[in-house]
Amino acid sequence: MKKFKSFIALDLKSNTKNISIVRKLYRHVYGFKVGYRSFYNSYSKELISEIKKKKSKLFLDLKLHDIPNTVSSAIDSLSKINPDYLTLHISGGDDMMEAAVNCVKKNKLKTKILGVTLLTSLDGKDSKRLYKEENTKKIVRKFAEIANKHKIYGLICSGEELKALEKFDKLIKITPGVKLFSRNDDQKRVTFAHNALQKGANFVVIGRELIQSKEPISLLNEYAKQHKNKNLWTK
């Protein structure tokens, strides 16, 4: 069965409700993203177990960012979970990324490291203040070069930067903060899922718009009907 090229962000207050979302959607989507709220919450073990039981991809979005030894220790502690994907901030530096990649190899994990470029809650004004560069594409491209050098598996980037990353064809791109239909939230650099996938994203991350819907499968079906032949599905 083909699945929508998406990770569903399980960000509901209750992991009991998050587990319910997994059971509803696992046949329709590629995987599920477990972030801070659901990982550091009651019944997180049960949530992760449910995702694995359904043979969905587990995307653990912890955005590791610390000294190399601490990041290595964190990955050591995740060995039993052995997520399919794990995020860290590229801004953590060369040594940190190298330590993370080496730790995955040492523990013989299947985990693929994804590098966070620039959070979608930030825009050009924010990047100028933080990195003295207003052009977010330049910032993201610089991060991509660093990630590529250290054999990071893929990048987390907004839809706005996908074109600027075309030459990094060996790195998969996952685009968060995407829309199915129109919505308002705290993201600044956003795009529609079909646009991101057409521009070069391998997968997208969808959260509130879908998991807060009373009929998430109906919403996905409606979206699929509106965007036929738009590279939305896995093979």
C-alpha atoms as a PDB file:
ATOM      1  CA  MET A   1       0.000   0.000   0.000  1.00  0.00           C
ATOM      2  CA  LYS A   2       1.307   3.428  -0.931  1.00  0.00           C
ATOM      3  CA  LYS A   3       1.731   5.858   1.913  1.00  0.00           C
ATOM      4  CA  PHE A   4       1.707   9.635   2.050  1.00  0.00           C
ATOM      5  CA  LYS A   5       5.304  10.909   2.204  1.00  0.00           C
ATOM      6  CA  SER A   6       4.836  12.371   5.639  1.00  0.00           C
ATOM      7  CA  PHE A   7       5.751  12.063   9.272  1.00  0.00           C
ATOM      8  CA  ILE A   8       2.904  12.928  11.606  1.00  0.00           C
ATOM      9  CA  ALA A   9       4.022  15.076  14.535  1.00  0.00           C
ATOM     10  CA  LEU A  10       2.499  13.524  17.648  1.00  0.00           C
ATOM     11  CA  ASP A  11       2.159  16.654  19.750  1.00  0.00           C
ATOM     12  CA  LEU A  12      -1.120  16.132  21.583  1.00  0.00           C
ATOM     13  CA  LYS A  13      -1.082  16.654  25.353  1.00  0.00           C
ATOM     14  CA  SER A  14      -1.858  13.031  26.071  1.00  0.00           C
ATOM     15  CA  ASN A  15       0.137  10.080  24.740  1.00  0.00           C
ATOM     16  CA  THR A  16      -3.052   8.056  25.001  1.00  0.00           C
ATOM     17  CA  LYS A  17      -4.450  10.363  22.314  1.00  0.00           C
ATOM     18  CA  ASN A  18      -1.182  10.184  20.358  1.00  0.00           C
ATOM     19  CA  ILE A  19      -1.417   6.383  20.373  1.00  0.00           C
ATOM     20  CA  SER A  20      -4.945   6.699  19.017  1.00  0.00           C
ATOM     21  CA  ILE A  21      -3.604   8.814  16.127  1.00  0.00           C
ATOM     22  CA  VAL A  22      -0.980   6.153  15.344  1.00  0.00           C
ATOM     23  CA  ARG A  23      -3.663   3.455  15.208  1.00  0.00           C
ATOM     24  CA  LYS A  24      -5.812   5.571  12.897  1.00  0.00           C
ATOM     25  CA  LEU A  25      -3.122   6.688  10.470  1.00  0.00           C
ATOM     26  CA  TYR A  26      -0.314   4.125  10.333  1.00  0.00           C
ATOM     27  CA  ARG A  27      -1.642   2.557   7.121  1.00  0.00           C
ATOM     28  CA  HIS A  28      -1.767   5.936   5.400  1.00  0.00           C
ATOM     29  CA  VAL A  29       1.497   7.710   6.313  1.00  0.00           C
ATOM     30  CA  TYR A  30       5.216   6.903   6.201  1.00  0.00           C
ATOM     31  CA  GLY A  31       5.953   7.436   9.886  1.00  0.00           C
ATOM     32  CA  PHE A  32       5.498   9.379  13.107  1.00  0.00           C
ATOM     33  CA  LYS A  33       7.553  12.127  14.720  1.00  0.00           C
ATOM     34  CA  VAL A  34       7.974  11.976  18.485  1.00  0.00           C
ATOM     35  CA  GLY A  35       9.201  15.296  19.876  1.00  0.00           C
ATOM     36  CA  TYR A  36       9.781  16.812  23.303  1.00  0.00           C
ATOM     37  CA  ARG A  37       6.174  16.894  24.396  1.00  0.00           C
ATOM     38  CA  SER A  38       5.393  13.257  23.655  1.00  0.00           C
ATOM     39  CA  PHE A  39       8.853  11.859  24.533  1.00  0.00           C
ATOM     40  CA  TYR A  40       9.010  13.498  27.975  1.00  0.00           C
ATOM     41  CA  ASN A  41       5.425  12.587  28.792  1.00  0.00           C
ATOM     42  CA  SER A  42       3.600   9.739  30.492  1.00  0.00           C
ATOM     43  CA  TYR A  43       3.281   6.565  28.415  1.00  0.00           C
ATOM     44  CA  SER A  44       6.072   7.513  26.007  1.00  0.00           C
ATOM     45  CA  LYS A  45       7.324   3.903  26.074  1.00  0.00           C
ATOM     46  CA  GLU A  46       3.872   2.715  25.087  1.00  0.00           C
ATOM     47  CA  LEU A  47       3.723   5.286  22.281  1.00  0.00           C
ATOM     48  CA  ILE A  48       7.083   4.253  20.847  1.00  0.00           C
ATOM     49  CA  SER A  49       6.156   0.594  21.203  1.00  0.00           C
ATOM     50  CA  GLU A  50       2.922   1.185  19.293  1.00  0.00           C
ATOM     51  CA  ILE A  51       4.754   2.912  16.416  1.00  0.00           C
ATOM     52  CA  LYS A  52       7.227   0.033  16.171  1.00  0.00           C
ATOM     53  CA  LYS A  53       4.474  -2.577  16.447  1.00  0.00           C
ATOM     54  CA  LYS A  54       2.724  -0.995  13.474  1.00  0.00           C
ATOM     55  CA  LYS A  55       6.043  -1.110  11.550  1.00  0.00           C
ATOM     56  CA  SER A  56       5.919   2.628  10.940  1.00  0.00           C
ATOM     57  CA  LYS A  57       9.079   4.702  10.821  1.00  0.00           C
ATOM     58  CA  LEU A  58      10.008   6.303  14.144  1.00  0.00           C
ATOM     59  CA  PHE A  59      11.364   9.848  13.811  1.00  0.00           C
ATOM     60  CA  LEU A  60      12.715  10.913  17.218  1.00  0.00           C
ATOM     61  CA  ASP A  61      12.924  14.691  17.099  1.00  0.00           C
ATOM     62  CA  LEU A  62      15.097  15.589  20.105  1.00  0.00           C
ATOM     63  CA  LYS A  63      17.255  18.170  18.296  1.00  0.00           C
ATOM     64  CA  LEU A  64      20.412  17.234  20.219  1.00  0.00           C
ATOM     65  CA  HIS A  65      22.735  20.204  20.754  1.00  0.00           C
ATOM     66  CA  ASP A  66      25.511  19.908  23.310  1.00  0.00           C
ATOM     67  CA  ILE A  67      29.198  19.081  23.698  1.00  0.00           C
ATOM     68  CA  PRO A  68      30.271  15.949  21.751  1.00  0.00           C
ATOM     69  CA  ASN A  69      30.544  13.690  24.793  1.00  0.00           C
ATOM     70  CA  THR A  70      27.068  14.611  26.021  1.00  0.00           C
ATOM     71  CA  VAL A  71      25.519  14.023  22.598  1.00  0.00           C
ATOM     72  CA  SER A  72      27.266  10.650  22.364  1.00  0.00           C
ATOM     73  CA  SER A  73      25.950   9.755  25.814  1.00  0.00           C
ATOM     74  CA  ALA A  74      22.442  10.725  24.742  1.00  0.00           C
ATOM     75  CA  ILE A  75      22.644   8.444  21.707  1.00  0.00           C
ATOM     76  CA  ASP A  76      24.004   5.641  23.898  1.00  0.00           C
ATOM     77  CA  SER A  77      20.933   6.006  26.107  1.00  0.00           C
ATOM     78  CA  LEU A  78      18.660   5.737  23.044  1.00  0.00           C
ATOM     79  CA  SER A  79      20.201   2.480  21.855  1.00  0.00           C
ATOM     80  CA  LYS A  80      17.313   0.356  23.098  1.00  0.00           C
ATOM     81  CA  ILE A  81      14.834   2.563  21.271  1.00  0.00           C
ATOM     82  CA  ASN A  82      16.977   2.529  18.093  1.00  0.00           C
ATOM     83  CA  PRO A  83      14.866   5.124  16.235  1.00  0.00           C
ATOM     84  CA  ASP A  84      14.850   5.197  12.442  1.00  0.00           C
ATOM     85  CA  TYR A  85      15.674   8.918  12.456  1.00  0.00           C
ATOM     86  CA  LEU A  86      17.146  11.241  15.079  1.00  0.00           C
ATOM     87  CA  THR A  87      17.692  15.005  14.854  1.00  0.00           C
ATOM     88  CA  LEU A  88      20.528  17.218  16.026  1.00  0.00           C
ATOM     89  CA  HIS A  89      21.319  20.879  15.435  1.00  0.00           C
ATOM     90  CA  ILE A  90      24.017  21.388  12.799  1.00  0.00           C
ATOM     91  CA  SER A  91      24.966  24.559  14.679  1.00  0.00           C
ATOM     92  CA  GLY A  92      26.347  22.254  17.386  1.00  0.00           C
ATOM     93  CA  GLY A  93      29.487  22.035  15.277  1.00  0.00           C
ATOM     94  CA  ASP A  94      31.832  19.631  13.515  1.00  0.00           C
ATOM     95  CA  ASP A  95      33.004  17.645  16.538  1.00  0.00           C
ATOM     96  CA  MET A  96      29.483  17.149  17.824  1.00  0.00           C
ATOM     97  CA  MET A  97      28.223  15.806  14.489  1.00  0.00           C
ATOM     98  CA  GLU A  98      31.233  13.542  14.071  1.00  0.00           C
ATOM     99  CA  ALA A  99      30.697  12.178  17.587  1.00  0.00           C
ATOM    100  CA  ALA A 100      27.034  11.488  16.837  1.00  0.00           C
ATOM    101  CA  VAL A 101      27.741   9.631  13.603  1.00  0.00           C
ATOM    102  CA  ASN A 102      30.519   7.596  15.237  1.00  0.00           C
ATOM    103  CA  CYS A 103      28.286   6.713  18.187  1.00  0.00           C
ATOM    104  CA  VAL A 104      25.584   5.377  15.866  1.00  0.00           C
ATOM    105  CA  LYS A 105      28.190   3.193  14.151  1.00  0.00           C
ATOM    106  CA  LYS A 106      29.684   2.034  17.458  1.00  0.00           C
ATOM    107  CA  ASN A 107      26.283   0.912  18.735  1.00  0.00           C
ATOM    108  CA  LYS A 108      25.393  -0.652  15.366  1.00  0.00           C
ATOM    109  CA  LEU A 109      22.146   1.282  15.254  1.00  0.00           C
ATOM    110  CA  LYS A 110      19.890   1.628  12.236  1.00  0.00           C
ATOM    111  CA  THR A 111      19.393   5.279  13.221  1.00  0.00           C
ATOM    112  CA  LYS A 112      19.878   7.909  10.520  1.00  0.00           C
ATOM    113  CA  ILE A 113      21.061  11.302  11.766  1.00  0.00           C
ATOM    114  CA  LEU A 114      19.183  14.356  10.460  1.00  0.00           C
ATOM    115  CA  GLY A 115      20.643  17.831  10.779  1.00  0.00           C
ATOM    116  CA  VAL A 116      18.383  20.741  11.696  1.00  0.00           C
ATOM    117  CA  THR A 117      19.299  23.798   9.617  1.00  0.00           C
ATOM    118  CA  LEU A 118      17.194  26.830  10.600  1.00  0.00           C
ATOM    119  CA  LEU A 119      13.982  26.425  12.598  1.00  0.00           C
ATOM    120  CA  THR A 120      10.836  27.288  10.651  1.00  0.00           C
ATOM    121  CA  SER A 121       9.825  29.628  13.488  1.00  0.00           C
ATOM    122  CA  LEU A 122      12.703  31.927  12.434  1.00  0.00           C
ATOM    123  CA  ASP A 123      12.819  34.306   9.475  1.00  0.00           C
ATOM    124  CA  GLY A 124      15.411  36.566   7.846  1.00  0.00           C
ATOM    125  CA  LYS A 125      15.311  39.123  10.647  1.00  0.00           C
ATOM    126  CA  ASP A 126      15.983  36.393  13.195  1.00  0.00           C
ATOM    127  CA  SER A 127      18.838  34.874  11.196  1.00  0.00           C
ATOM    128  CA  LYS A 128      20.428  38.303  10.750  1.00  0.00           C
ATOM    129  CA  ARG A 129      20.367  38.831  14.499  1.00  0.00           C
ATOM    130  CA  LEU A 130      21.702  35.358  15.233  1.00  0.00           C
ATOM    131  CA  TYR A 131      24.091  34.732  12.338  1.00  0.00           C
ATOM    132  CA  LYS A 132      24.599  38.214  10.811  1.00  0.00           C
ATOM    133  CA  GLU A 133      22.994  36.992   7.575  1.00  0.00           C
ATOM    134  CA  GLU A 134      19.451  37.890   6.529  1.00  0.00           C
ATOM    135  CA  ASN A 135      19.336  35.522   3.572  1.00  0.00           C
ATOM    136  CA  THR A 136      18.036  32.266   5.052  1.00  0.00           C
ATOM    137  CA  LYS A 137      18.997  30.341   1.904  1.00  0.00           C
ATOM    138  CA  LYS A 138      22.660  31.214   2.423  1.00  0.00           C
ATOM    139  CA  ILE A 139      22.513  30.162   6.067  1.00  0.00           C
ATOM    140  CA  VAL A 140      20.823  26.861   5.263  1.00  0.00           C
ATOM    141  CA  ARG A 141      23.215  26.144   2.380  1.00  0.00           C
ATOM    142  CA  LYS A 142      26.166  26.721   4.705  1.00  0.00           C
ATOM    143  CA  PHE A 143      24.694  24.301   7.245  1.00  0.00           C
ATOM    144  CA  ALA A 144      24.121  21.767   4.444  1.00  0.00           C
ATOM    145  CA  GLU A 145      27.789  21.940   3.442  1.00  0.00           C
ATOM    146  CA  ILE A 146      28.834  21.226   7.039  1.00  0.00           C
ATOM    147  CA  ALA A 147      26.368  18.337   7.353  1.00  0.00           C
ATOM    148  CA  ASN A 148      27.479  16.849   4.042  1.00  0.00           C
ATOM    149  CA  LYS A 149      31.111  16.964   5.133  1.00  0.00           C
ATOM    150  CA  HIS A 150      30.319  14.877   8.205  1.00  0.00           C
ATOM    151  CA  LYS A 151      28.133  12.337   6.403  1.00  0.00           C
ATOM    152  CA  ILE A 152      24.904  13.345   8.072  1.00  0.00           C
ATOM    153  CA  TYR A 153      22.082  11.396   6.419  1.00  0.00           C
ATOM    154  CA  GLY A 154      19.700  14.272   5.790  1.00  0.00           C
ATOM    155  CA  LEU A 155      18.498  17.784   6.493  1.00  0.00           C
ATOM    156  CA  ILE A 156      15.521  19.387   8.185  1.00  0.00           C
ATOM    157  CA  CYS A 157      14.752  22.519   6.177  1.00  0.00           C
ATOM    158  CA  SER A 158      11.827  24.712   5.225  1.00  0.00           C
ATOM    159  CA  GLY A 159      10.247  24.631   1.767  1.00  0.00           C
ATOM    160  CA  GLU A 160      11.770  28.025   1.001  1.00  0.00           C
ATOM    161  CA  GLU A 161      15.293  26.598   0.981  1.00  0.00           C
ATOM    162  CA  LEU A 162      14.728  23.400  -1.022  1.00  0.00           C
ATOM    163  CA  LYS A 163      15.790  24.903  -4.359  1.00  0.00           C
ATOM    164  CA  ALA A 164      18.975  26.240  -2.796  1.00  0.00           C
ATOM    165  CA  LEU A 165      19.838  22.691  -1.677  1.00  0.00           C
ATOM    166  CA  GLU A 166      19.456  20.948  -5.048  1.00  0.00           C
ATOM    167  CA  LYS A 167      23.175  20.204  -5.369  1.00  0.00           C
ATOM    168  CA  PHE A 168      23.103  18.229  -2.098  1.00  0.00           C
ATOM    169  CA  ASP A 169      21.309  15.366  -3.788  1.00  0.00           C
ATOM    170  CA  LYS A 170      22.785  12.702  -1.505  1.00  0.00           C
ATOM    171  CA  LEU A 171      21.156  14.267   1.554  1.00  0.00           C
ATOM    172  CA  ILE A 172      17.474  13.555   2.058  1.00  0.00           C
ATOM    173  CA  LYS A 173      15.367  16.606   2.872  1.00  0.00           C
ATOM    174  CA  ILE A 174      12.514  16.634   5.342  1.00  0.00           C
ATOM    175  CA  THR A 175      10.366  19.762   5.443  1.00  0.00           C
ATOM    176  CA  PRO A 176       8.471  20.630   8.657  1.00  0.00           C
ATOM    177  CA  GLY A 177       5.799  23.238   9.163  1.00  0.00           C
ATOM    178  CA  VAL A 178       3.885  22.327   5.992  1.00  0.00           C
ATOM    179  CA  LYS A 179       0.218  22.923   5.282  1.00  0.00           C
ATOM    180  CA  LEU A 180      -2.399  20.718   3.709  1.00  0.00           C
ATOM    181  CA  PHE A 181      -4.962  23.497   3.615  1.00  0.00           C
ATOM    182  CA  SER A 182      -4.742  27.067   4.916  1.00  0.00           C
ATOM    183  CA  ARG A 183      -3.998  27.558   8.614  1.00  0.00           C
ATOM    184  CA  ASN A 184      -2.455  30.020  11.032  1.00  0.00           C
ATOM    185  CA  ASP A 185       0.171  29.127  13.653  1.00  0.00           C
ATOM    186  CA  ASP A 186       3.593  30.182  14.984  1.00  0.00           C
ATOM    187  CA  GLN A 187       5.591  29.072  11.916  1.00  0.00           C
ATOM    188  CA  LYS A 188       7.099  31.771   9.692  1.00  0.00           C
ATOM    189  CA  ARG A 189       8.690  29.900   6.773  1.00  0.00           C
ATOM    190  CA  VAL A 190       5.941  27.518   5.661  1.00  0.00           C
ATOM    191  CA  THR A 191       4.732  25.900   2.450  1.00  0.00           C
ATOM    192  CA  PHE A 192       2.115  23.433   1.260  1.00  0.00           C
ATOM    193  CA  ALA A 193       2.979  19.739   1.371  1.00  0.00           C
ATOM    194  CA  HIS A 194       2.596  19.171  -2.382  1.00  0.00           C
ATOM    195  CA  ASN A 195       4.801  22.185  -3.159  1.00  0.00           C
ATOM    196  CA  ALA A 196       7.553  20.972  -0.819  1.00  0.00           C
ATOM    197  CA  LEU A 197       7.496  17.464  -2.315  1.00  0.00           C
ATOM    198  CA  GLN A 198       7.620  18.841  -5.866  1.00  0.00           C
ATOM    199  CA  LYS A 199      10.536  21.138  -4.994  1.00  0.00           C
ATOM    200  CA  GLY A 200      12.724  18.344  -3.677  1.00  0.00           C
ATOM    201  CA  ALA A 201      11.594  17.320  -0.194  1.00  0.00           C
ATOM    202  CA  ASN A 202      11.672  13.564   0.326  1.00  0.00           C
ATOM    203  CA  PHE A 203       9.196  13.813   3.198  1.00  0.00           C
ATOM    204  CA  VAL A 204       7.162  16.452   5.010  1.00  0.00           C
ATOM    205  CA  VAL A 205       6.120  16.810   8.642  1.00  0.00           C
ATOM    206  CA  ILE A 206       2.477  17.564   9.416  1.00  0.00           C
ATOM    207  CA  GLY A 207       1.220  18.232  12.903  1.00  0.00           C
ATOM    208  CA  ARG A 208      -1.594  20.238  14.386  1.00  0.00           C
ATOM    209  CA  GLU A 209      -3.692  20.604  11.254  1.00  0.00           C
ATOM    210  CA  LEU A 210      -4.068  16.840  10.964  1.00  0.00           C
ATOM    211  CA  ILE A 211      -3.905  15.494  14.514  1.00  0.00           C
ATOM    212  CA  GLN A 212      -6.424  18.030  15.789  1.00  0.00           C
ATOM    213  CA  SER A 213      -8.896  17.070  13.071  1.00  0.00           C
ATOM    214  CA  LYS A 214     -11.910  15.017  14.108  1.00  0.00           C
ATOM    215  CA  GLU A 215     -11.598  13.068  10.851  1.00  0.00           C
ATOM    216  CA  PRO A 216      -7.870  12.941   9.940  1.00  0.00           C
ATOM    217  CA  ILE A 217      -8.274  10.177   7.341  1.00  0.00           C
ATOM    218  CA  SER A 218     -11.052  12.096   5.604  1.00  0.00           C
ATOM    219  CA  LEU A 219      -8.830  15.185   5.597  1.00  0.00           C
ATOM    220  CA  LEU A 220      -5.985  13.217   3.988  1.00  0.00           C
ATOM    221  CA  ASN A 221      -8.334  11.724   1.401  1.00  0.00           C
ATOM    222  CA  GLU A 222      -9.733  15.139   0.529  1.00  0.00           C
ATOM    223  CA  TYR A 223      -6.197  16.493   0.145  1.00  0.00           C
ATOM    224  CA  ALA A 224      -5.179  13.553  -2.073  1.00  0.00           C
ATOM    225  CA  LYS A 225      -8.170  14.129  -4.359  1.00  0.00           C
ATOM    226  CA  GLN A 226      -7.239  17.794  -4.795  1.00  0.00           C
ATOM    227  CA  HIS A 227      -3.604  17.043  -5.594  1.00  0.00           C
ATOM    228  CA  LYS A 228      -3.518  13.942  -7.765  1.00  0.00           C
ATOM    229  CA  ASN A 229      -0.198  13.128  -9.476  1.00  0.00           C
ATOM    230  CA  LYS A 230       1.734  15.530  -7.238  1.00  0.00           C
ATOM    231  CA  ASN A 231       4.390  13.063  -6.020  1.00  0.00           C
ATOM    232  CA  LEU A 232       2.619  12.636  -2.695  1.00  0.00           C
ATOM    233  CA  TRP A 233       3.010   8.892  -2.267  1.00  0.00           C
ATOM    234  CA  THR A 234       5.773   6.396  -1.555  1.00  0.00           C
ATOM    235  CA  LYS A 235       6.370   3.651  -4.116  1.00  0.00           C
END
